[in-house]
Amino acid sequence: MRFDFIIRQAPLEGLALACLLSSACAKAPATDARPTEGAAVETQAPATPKKTAPAVDIRPVIVTFGDSLTAGHGADPGQSYPEYLQRDLERKGYNYRVANEGISGDTTSGGLSRVDRVIAHKPSIVVLELGGNDGLRGIPVPSIKENLSKIIEELKRVHTHIVLAEMTLPPNYGEDYIKAFESLYRDLAAKYHLPAFTFPFRELFAKNLLQEDGMHVTPAGNELVAQTVLKTIEPMLGKPR
């Protein structure tokens, strides 16, 4: 055996092993890899919350259609008679929504000009309280009656139930005018077969439930008006839930 061959071969094998080890180290991935400064780092954008559509109120609508007595003139928000009517309906289990279409100072001609806005609510019931301001201005009774007739006919055309509030005037307007004024409401109720209620001015006055002007209603008075209206419309409401 040639020992000189073995001796000469050994260093070559050691060199080959060293080269293999060196190559393996060069190919091994770095275990502590960090992004270099200024390198872009991919981040996930936060999810955008989904917008929920507002709930649609599908309850049948009662529109209170009138002047300052309906609007709640002089009372704080939440203290008009339509708002008390909404409360009373809910307390008794009636599933209706009250829409207040009262405008202070409105007359029957003003009401006629905006009857389409009332119809747009698609109301099941309309509580019609107009004419008081006409009377206070001394407008001829036939003109008041004609305007109310046109309003009623427009509402009947869309098959809504109409409840008529019968109004009166202070005694200083004269007996003849007051008598004719009060009669026009009874005539309209009879002609169009409408349920009607007398706006409770006398009871409000007797119980001191009018404001200092003697015409507009206090919050406690509006509660009384709401009770009067509910009593009138209740036969139309069906069974409570």
C-alpha atoms as a PDB file:
ATOM      1  CA  MET A   1       0.000   0.000   0.000  1.00  0.00           C
ATOM      2  CA  ARG A   2       1.267   3.476  -0.891  1.00  0.00           C
ATOM      3  CA  PHE A   3       1.131   5.538   2.298  1.00  0.00           C
ATOM      4  CA  ASP A   4       2.398   8.569   0.459  1.00  0.00           C
ATOM      5  CA  PHE A   5      -0.856   8.550  -1.579  1.00  0.00           C
ATOM      6  CA  ILE A   6      -3.022   8.488   1.520  1.00  0.00           C
ATOM      7  CA  ILE A   7      -1.033  11.318   3.091  1.00  0.00           C
ATOM      8  CA  ARG A   8      -1.330  13.429  -0.058  1.00  0.00           C
ATOM      9  CA  GLN A   9      -5.097  12.714  -0.421  1.00  0.00           C
ATOM     10  CA  ALA A  10      -6.116  13.594   3.151  1.00  0.00           C
ATOM     11  CA  PRO A  11      -5.631  17.350   2.855  1.00  0.00           C
ATOM     12  CA  LEU A  12      -7.733  17.425  -0.303  1.00  0.00           C
ATOM     13  CA  GLU A  13     -10.624  15.700   1.460  1.00  0.00           C
ATOM     14  CA  GLY A  14     -10.398  18.178   4.358  1.00  0.00           C
ATOM     15  CA  LEU A  15     -10.446  21.069   1.900  1.00  0.00           C
ATOM     16  CA  ALA A  16     -13.518  19.638   0.167  1.00  0.00           C
ATOM     17  CA  LEU A  17     -15.332  19.289   3.517  1.00  0.00           C
ATOM     18  CA  ALA A  18     -14.512  22.872   4.410  1.00  0.00           C
ATOM     19  CA  CYS A  19     -15.880  24.069   1.088  1.00  0.00           C
ATOM     20  CA  LEU A  20     -19.118  22.152   1.615  1.00  0.00           C
ATOM     21  CA  LEU A  21     -19.584  23.632   5.080  1.00  0.00           C
ATOM     22  CA  SER A  22     -18.873  27.126   3.796  1.00  0.00           C
ATOM     23  CA  SER A  23     -21.421  26.735   0.985  1.00  0.00           C
ATOM     24  CA  ALA A  24     -24.098  25.482   3.385  1.00  0.00           C
ATOM     25  CA  CYS A  25     -23.580  28.470   5.683  1.00  0.00           C
ATOM     26  CA  ALA A  26     -23.869  30.864   2.779  1.00  0.00           C
ATOM     27  CA  LYS A  27     -27.237  29.385   1.726  1.00  0.00           C
ATOM     28  CA  ALA A  28     -28.786  29.248   5.215  1.00  0.00           C
ATOM     29  CA  PRO A  29     -31.474  31.945   5.738  1.00  0.00           C
ATOM     30  CA  ALA A  30     -30.880  34.674   8.317  1.00  0.00           C
ATOM     31  CA  THR A  31     -32.702  33.939  11.546  1.00  0.00           C
ATOM     32  CA  ASP A  32     -32.989  37.595  12.688  1.00  0.00           C
ATOM     33  CA  ALA A  33     -34.150  39.289   9.500  1.00  0.00           C
ATOM     34  CA  ARG A  34     -35.423  42.848  10.077  1.00  0.00           C
ATOM     35  CA  PRO A  35     -36.679  45.313   7.461  1.00  0.00           C
ATOM     36  CA  THR A  36     -34.153  47.921   6.579  1.00  0.00           C
ATOM     37  CA  GLU A  37     -34.861  51.490   7.595  1.00  0.00           C
ATOM     38  CA  GLY A  38     -37.228  53.202   5.149  1.00  0.00           C
ATOM     39  CA  ALA A  39     -38.526  49.946   3.711  1.00  0.00           C
ATOM     40  CA  ALA A  40     -42.288  49.792   3.121  1.00  0.00           C
ATOM     41  CA  VAL A  41     -44.148  47.593   5.579  1.00  0.00           C
ATOM     42  CA  GLU A  42     -47.430  46.136   4.365  1.00  0.00           C
ATOM     43  CA  THR A  43     -50.280  46.713   6.804  1.00  0.00           C
ATOM     44  CA  GLN A  44     -53.949  45.681   6.582  1.00  0.00           C
ATOM     45  CA  ALA A  45     -56.441  48.585   6.488  1.00  0.00           C
ATOM     46  CA  PRO A  46     -59.114  48.476   9.205  1.00  0.00           C
ATOM     47  CA  ALA A  47     -62.481  47.249   8.020  1.00  0.00           C
ATOM     48  CA  THR A  48     -65.003  50.015   7.304  1.00  0.00           C
ATOM     49  CA  PRO A  49     -68.086  49.557   9.498  1.00  0.00           C
ATOM     50  CA  LYS A  50     -71.228  48.882   7.510  1.00  0.00           C
ATOM     51  CA  LYS A  51     -73.866  51.611   7.638  1.00  0.00           C
ATOM     52  CA  THR A  52     -77.259  50.372   8.728  1.00  0.00           C
ATOM     53  CA  ALA A  53     -80.292  51.942   7.090  1.00  0.00           C
ATOM     54  CA  PRO A  54     -82.644  53.765   9.476  1.00  0.00           C
ATOM     55  CA  ALA A  55     -85.687  51.745  10.446  1.00  0.00           C
ATOM     56  CA  VAL A  56     -88.786  52.560   8.418  1.00  0.00           C
ATOM     57  CA  ASP A  57     -91.849  53.380  10.518  1.00  0.00           C
ATOM     58  CA  ILE A  58     -94.639  51.394   8.896  1.00  0.00           C
ATOM     59  CA  ARG A  59     -97.350  52.239  11.432  1.00  0.00           C
ATOM     60  CA  PRO A  60    -100.549  53.764  10.015  1.00  0.00           C
ATOM     61  CA  VAL A  61    -100.591  57.540  10.340  1.00  0.00           C
ATOM     62  CA  ILE A  62    -102.927  59.928  12.136  1.00  0.00           C
ATOM     63  CA  VAL A  63    -102.428  63.499  10.891  1.00  0.00           C
ATOM     64  CA  THR A  64    -103.438  66.363  13.161  1.00  0.00           C
ATOM     65  CA  PHE A  65    -104.176  69.159  10.696  1.00  0.00           C
ATOM     66  CA  GLY A  66    -104.723  72.607  12.146  1.00  0.00           C
ATOM     67  CA  ASP A  67    -103.438  75.921  13.421  1.00  0.00           C
ATOM     68  CA  SER A  68    -101.667  77.030  16.621  1.00  0.00           C
ATOM     69  CA  LEU A  69    -103.952  74.907  18.796  1.00  0.00           C
ATOM     70  CA  THR A  70    -102.587  71.850  16.981  1.00  0.00           C
ATOM     71  CA  ALA A  71     -99.030  73.151  16.651  1.00  0.00           C
ATOM     72  CA  GLY A  72     -98.812  73.637  20.434  1.00  0.00           C
ATOM     73  CA  HIS A  73     -98.172  77.391  20.449  1.00  0.00           C
ATOM     74  CA  GLY A  74     -96.670  78.538  23.750  1.00  0.00           C
ATOM     75  CA  ALA A  75     -95.941  75.014  25.005  1.00  0.00           C
ATOM     76  CA  ASP A  76     -92.513  73.427  25.256  1.00  0.00           C
ATOM     77  CA  PRO A  77     -91.466  70.687  22.801  1.00  0.00           C
ATOM     78  CA  GLY A  78     -93.225  67.454  23.674  1.00  0.00           C
ATOM     79  CA  GLN A  79     -96.250  69.252  25.158  1.00  0.00           C
ATOM     80  CA  SER A  80     -98.546  69.805  22.191  1.00  0.00           C
ATOM     81  CA  TYR A  81    -101.791  67.885  22.066  1.00  0.00           C
ATOM     82  CA  PRO A  82    -100.603  65.660  19.144  1.00  0.00           C
ATOM     83  CA  GLU A  83     -97.584  64.592  21.209  1.00  0.00           C
ATOM     84  CA  TYR A  84     -99.821  63.741  24.170  1.00  0.00           C
ATOM     85  CA  LEU A  85    -102.106  61.890  21.755  1.00  0.00           C
ATOM     86  CA  GLN A  86     -99.121  59.784  20.612  1.00  0.00           C
ATOM     87  CA  ARG A  87     -98.318  58.967  24.228  1.00  0.00           C
ATOM     88  CA  ASP A  88    -101.913  58.017  25.015  1.00  0.00           C
ATOM     89  CA  LEU A  89    -102.183  55.809  21.934  1.00  0.00           C
ATOM     90  CA  GLU A  90     -99.051  53.907  22.917  1.00  0.00           C
ATOM     91  CA  ARG A  91    -100.187  53.542  26.513  1.00  0.00           C
ATOM     92  CA  LYS A  92    -103.424  51.948  25.344  1.00  0.00           C
ATOM     93  CA  GLY A  93    -101.631  49.662  22.881  1.00  0.00           C
ATOM     94  CA  TYR A  94    -102.674  51.325  19.616  1.00  0.00           C
ATOM     95  CA  ASN A  95    -100.011  50.985  16.949  1.00  0.00           C
ATOM     96  CA  TYR A  96    -100.274  54.379  15.197  1.00  0.00           C
ATOM     97  CA  ARG A  97     -97.929  57.264  14.458  1.00  0.00           C
ATOM     98  CA  VAL A  98     -99.143  60.845  14.908  1.00  0.00           C
ATOM     99  CA  ALA A  99     -97.891  63.447  12.398  1.00  0.00           C
ATOM    100  CA  ASN A 100     -98.352  67.055  13.512  1.00  0.00           C
ATOM    101  CA  GLU A 101     -99.366  69.329  10.632  1.00  0.00           C
ATOM    102  CA  GLY A 102    -100.304  72.313  12.773  1.00  0.00           C
ATOM    103  CA  ILE A 103     -99.105  75.786  11.763  1.00  0.00           C
ATOM    104  CA  SER A 104     -99.619  78.783  14.030  1.00  0.00           C
ATOM    105  CA  GLY A 105    -101.794  81.469  12.464  1.00  0.00           C
ATOM    106  CA  ASP A 106    -103.087  79.213   9.698  1.00  0.00           C
ATOM    107  CA  THR A 107    -106.513  79.799   8.160  1.00  0.00           C
ATOM    108  CA  THR A 108    -108.811  77.620   6.099  1.00  0.00           C
ATOM    109  CA  SER A 109    -107.377  79.098   2.892  1.00  0.00           C
ATOM    110  CA  GLY A 110    -103.870  78.295   4.129  1.00  0.00           C
ATOM    111  CA  GLY A 111    -104.979  74.783   4.993  1.00  0.00           C
ATOM    112  CA  LEU A 112    -106.448  74.321   1.536  1.00  0.00           C
ATOM    113  CA  SER A 113    -103.134  75.362  -0.028  1.00  0.00           C
ATOM    114  CA  ARG A 114    -101.249  72.647   1.849  1.00  0.00           C
ATOM    115  CA  VAL A 115    -103.730  69.804   1.857  1.00  0.00           C
ATOM    116  CA  ASP A 116    -101.466  67.894  -0.558  1.00  0.00           C
ATOM    117  CA  ARG A 117     -98.787  67.826   2.153  1.00  0.00           C
ATOM    118  CA  VAL A 118    -101.252  66.157   4.484  1.00  0.00           C
ATOM    119  CA  ILE A 119    -102.247  63.650   1.821  1.00  0.00           C
ATOM    120  CA  ALA A 120     -98.566  62.834   1.251  1.00  0.00           C
ATOM    121  CA  HIS A 121     -98.525  61.182   4.699  1.00  0.00           C
ATOM    122  CA  LYS A 122    -101.072  58.648   3.356  1.00  0.00           C
ATOM    123  CA  PRO A 123    -103.049  59.087   6.568  1.00  0.00           C
ATOM    124  CA  SER A 124    -105.540  56.632   7.952  1.00  0.00           C
ATOM    125  CA  ILE A 125    -107.175  59.428   9.967  1.00  0.00           C
ATOM    126  CA  VAL A 126    -107.055  63.228   9.732  1.00  0.00           C
ATOM    127  CA  VAL A 127    -108.119  65.338  12.700  1.00  0.00           C
ATOM    128  CA  LEU A 128    -109.142  68.641  11.076  1.00  0.00           C
ATOM    129  CA  GLU A 129    -108.942  71.706  13.338  1.00  0.00           C
ATOM    130  CA  LEU A 130    -109.166  74.900  11.277  1.00  0.00           C
ATOM    131  CA  GLY A 131    -111.336  78.004  11.089  1.00  0.00           C
ATOM    132  CA  GLY A 132    -110.616  79.658  14.419  1.00  0.00           C
ATOM    133  CA  ASN A 133    -108.260  82.234  12.916  1.00  0.00           C
ATOM    134  CA  ASP A 134    -110.774  82.944  10.139  1.00  0.00           C
ATOM    135  CA  GLY A 135    -113.391  83.685  12.744  1.00  0.00           C
ATOM    136  CA  LEU A 136    -111.075  85.911  14.787  1.00  0.00           C
ATOM    137  CA  ARG A 137    -110.433  87.928  11.598  1.00  0.00           C
ATOM    138  CA  GLY A 138    -114.147  88.240  10.908  1.00  0.00           C
ATOM    139  CA  ILE A 139    -113.966  86.410   7.571  1.00  0.00           C
ATOM    140  CA  PRO A 140    -117.471  85.794   6.185  1.00  0.00           C
ATOM    141  CA  VAL A 141    -118.830  82.459   7.319  1.00  0.00           C
ATOM    142  CA  PRO A 142    -119.699  81.258   3.769  1.00  0.00           C
ATOM    143  CA  SER A 143    -116.023  81.670   2.763  1.00  0.00           C
ATOM    144  CA  ILE A 144    -114.841  79.655   5.769  1.00  0.00           C
ATOM    145  CA  LYS A 145    -117.394  76.961   5.011  1.00  0.00           C
ATOM    146  CA  GLU A 146    -116.392  76.773   1.344  1.00  0.00           C
ATOM    147  CA  ASN A 147    -112.692  76.357   2.163  1.00  0.00           C
ATOM    148  CA  LEU A 148    -113.385  73.635   4.722  1.00  0.00           C
ATOM    149  CA  SER A 149    -115.658  71.870   2.234  1.00  0.00           C
ATOM    150  CA  LYS A 150    -112.874  71.793  -0.353  1.00  0.00           C
ATOM    151  CA  ILE A 151    -110.393  70.465   2.207  1.00  0.00           C
ATOM    152  CA  ILE A 152    -112.814  67.713   3.250  1.00  0.00           C
ATOM    153  CA  GLU A 153    -113.504  66.748  -0.356  1.00  0.00           C
ATOM    154  CA  GLU A 154    -109.782  66.497  -1.128  1.00  0.00           C
ATOM    155  CA  LEU A 155    -109.252  64.270   1.887  1.00  0.00           C
ATOM    156  CA  LYS A 156    -112.262  62.110   1.080  1.00  0.00           C
ATOM    157  CA  ARG A 157    -110.914  61.647  -2.439  1.00  0.00           C
ATOM    158  CA  VAL A 158    -108.024  59.587  -0.972  1.00  0.00           C
ATOM    159  CA  HIS A 159    -110.388  57.625   1.294  1.00  0.00           C
ATOM    160  CA  THR A 160    -109.027  58.779   4.619  1.00  0.00           C
ATOM    161  CA  HIS A 161    -111.182  59.048   7.724  1.00  0.00           C
ATOM    162  CA  ILE A 162    -111.826  62.644   8.771  1.00  0.00           C
ATOM    163  CA  VAL A 163    -112.639  63.886  12.252  1.00  0.00           C
ATOM    164  CA  LEU A 164    -113.864  67.483  12.493  1.00  0.00           C
ATOM    165  CA  ALA A 165    -113.113  69.765  15.431  1.00  0.00           C
ATOM    166  CA  GLU A 166    -116.032  72.151  16.018  1.00  0.00           C
ATOM    167  CA  MET A 167    -114.737  75.587  16.986  1.00  0.00           C
ATOM    168  CA  THR A 168    -116.204  78.636  18.718  1.00  0.00           C
ATOM    169  CA  LEU A 169    -115.263  82.283  19.290  1.00  0.00           C
ATOM    170  CA  PRO A 170    -115.026  84.723  22.223  1.00  0.00           C
ATOM    171  CA  PRO A 171    -118.378  86.298  23.139  1.00  0.00           C
ATOM    172  CA  ASN A 172    -117.351  89.798  21.991  1.00  0.00           C
ATOM    173  CA  TYR A 173    -117.700  88.717  18.341  1.00  0.00           C
ATOM    174  CA  GLY A 174    -121.450  89.060  18.551  1.00  0.00           C
ATOM    175  CA  GLU A 175    -124.198  86.527  18.962  1.00  0.00           C
ATOM    176  CA  ASP A 176    -125.240  86.363  15.312  1.00  0.00           C
ATOM    177  CA  TYR A 177    -121.729  85.836  13.934  1.00  0.00           C
ATOM    178  CA  ILE A 178    -120.853  83.262  16.601  1.00  0.00           C
ATOM    179  CA  LYS A 179    -124.069  81.345  15.975  1.00  0.00           C
ATOM    180  CA  ALA A 180    -123.430  81.194  12.216  1.00  0.00           C
ATOM    181  CA  PHE A 181    -119.796  80.275  12.801  1.00  0.00           C
ATOM    182  CA  GLU A 182    -120.595  77.377  15.126  1.00  0.00           C
ATOM    183  CA  SER A 183    -123.351  76.137  12.816  1.00  0.00           C
ATOM    184  CA  LEU A 184    -121.018  75.757   9.836  1.00  0.00           C
ATOM    185  CA  TYR A 185    -119.200  72.880  11.580  1.00  0.00           C
ATOM    186  CA  ARG A 186    -122.409  71.055  12.387  1.00  0.00           C
ATOM    187  CA  ASP A 187    -123.570  71.514   8.807  1.00  0.00           C
ATOM    188  CA  LEU A 188    -120.313  70.108   7.398  1.00  0.00           C
ATOM    189  CA  ALA A 189    -120.328  67.145   9.787  1.00  0.00           C
ATOM    190  CA  ALA A 190    -123.888  66.308   8.723  1.00  0.00           C
ATOM    191  CA  LYS A 191    -123.266  66.832   4.991  1.00  0.00           C
ATOM    192  CA  TYR A 192    -120.135  64.679   4.839  1.00  0.00           C
ATOM    193  CA  HIS A 193    -121.121  62.214   7.587  1.00  0.00           C
ATOM    194  CA  LEU A 194    -118.089  63.065   9.713  1.00  0.00           C
ATOM    195  CA  PRO A 195    -117.495  62.239  13.364  1.00  0.00           C
ATOM    196  CA  ALA A 196    -116.960  65.511  15.205  1.00  0.00           C
ATOM    197  CA  PHE A 197    -116.011  66.792  18.635  1.00  0.00           C
ATOM    198  CA  THR A 198    -116.388  70.193  20.231  1.00  0.00           C
ATOM    199  CA  PHE A 199    -112.992  71.689  20.960  1.00  0.00           C
ATOM    200  CA  PRO A 200    -113.190  71.866  24.778  1.00  0.00           C
ATOM    201  CA  PHE A 201    -112.719  75.632  25.254  1.00  0.00           C
ATOM    202  CA  ARG A 202    -115.353  75.899  27.980  1.00  0.00           C
ATOM    203  CA  GLU A 203    -113.812  73.096  30.043  1.00  0.00           C
ATOM    204  CA  LEU A 204    -110.320  74.507  29.500  1.00  0.00           C
ATOM    205  CA  PHE A 205    -111.504  77.930  30.682  1.00  0.00           C
ATOM    206  CA  ALA A 206    -113.335  76.511  33.688  1.00  0.00           C
ATOM    207  CA  LYS A 207    -110.231  74.559  34.783  1.00  0.00           C
ATOM    208  CA  ASN A 208    -107.855  77.494  34.151  1.00  0.00           C
ATOM    209  CA  LEU A 209    -106.006  75.565  31.448  1.00  0.00           C
ATOM    210  CA  LEU A 210    -105.569  78.459  29.033  1.00  0.00           C
ATOM    211  CA  GLN A 211    -102.457  80.582  28.683  1.00  0.00           C
ATOM    212  CA  GLU A 212    -102.461  84.271  29.652  1.00  0.00           C
ATOM    213  CA  ASP A 213    -103.731  85.279  26.203  1.00  0.00           C
ATOM    214  CA  GLY A 214    -106.965  83.416  26.934  1.00  0.00           C
ATOM    215  CA  MET A 215    -106.872  81.529  23.611  1.00  0.00           C
ATOM    216  CA  HIS A 216    -103.931  79.121  23.587  1.00  0.00           C
ATOM    217  CA  VAL A 217    -103.733  76.030  25.735  1.00  0.00           C
ATOM    218  CA  THR A 218    -101.372  75.147  28.572  1.00  0.00           C
ATOM    219  CA  PRO A 219     -99.535  71.800  28.572  1.00  0.00           C
ATOM    220  CA  ALA A 220    -102.069  70.385  31.040  1.00  0.00           C
ATOM    221  CA  GLY A 221    -104.814  71.661  28.756  1.00  0.00           C
ATOM    222  CA  ASN A 222    -103.213  69.928  25.778  1.00  0.00           C
ATOM    223  CA  GLU A 223    -103.403  66.657  27.701  1.00  0.00           C
ATOM    224  CA  LEU A 224    -107.134  67.234  28.056  1.00  0.00           C
ATOM    225  CA  VAL A 225    -107.486  67.971  24.331  1.00  0.00           C
ATOM    226  CA  ALA A 226    -105.577  64.770  23.490  1.00  0.00           C
ATOM    227  CA  GLN A 227    -107.949  62.753  25.670  1.00  0.00           C
ATOM    228  CA  THR A 228    -110.939  64.336  23.905  1.00  0.00           C
ATOM    229  CA  VAL A 229    -109.517  63.518  20.474  1.00  0.00           C
ATOM    230  CA  LEU A 230    -108.650  59.941  21.429  1.00  0.00           C
ATOM    231  CA  LYS A 231    -112.139  59.338  22.736  1.00  0.00           C
ATOM    232  CA  THR A 232    -113.528  60.497  19.374  1.00  0.00           C
ATOM    233  CA  ILE A 233    -111.205  58.490  17.122  1.00  0.00           C
ATOM    234  CA  GLU A 234    -110.992  55.328  19.225  1.00  0.00           C
ATOM    235  CA  PRO A 235    -113.862  53.549  17.414  1.00  0.00           C
ATOM    236  CA  MET A 236    -111.775  53.824  14.197  1.00  0.00           C
ATOM    237  CA  LEU A 237    -108.578  52.341  15.593  1.00  0.00           C
ATOM    238  CA  GLY A 238    -109.376  48.660  15.774  1.00  0.00           C
ATOM    239  CA  LYS A 239    -108.223  46.440  18.614  1.00  0.00           C
ATOM    240  CA  PRO A 240    -105.157  47.374  20.671  1.00  0.00           C
ATOM    241  CA  ARG A 241    -102.183  45.045  20.229  1.00  0.00           C
END
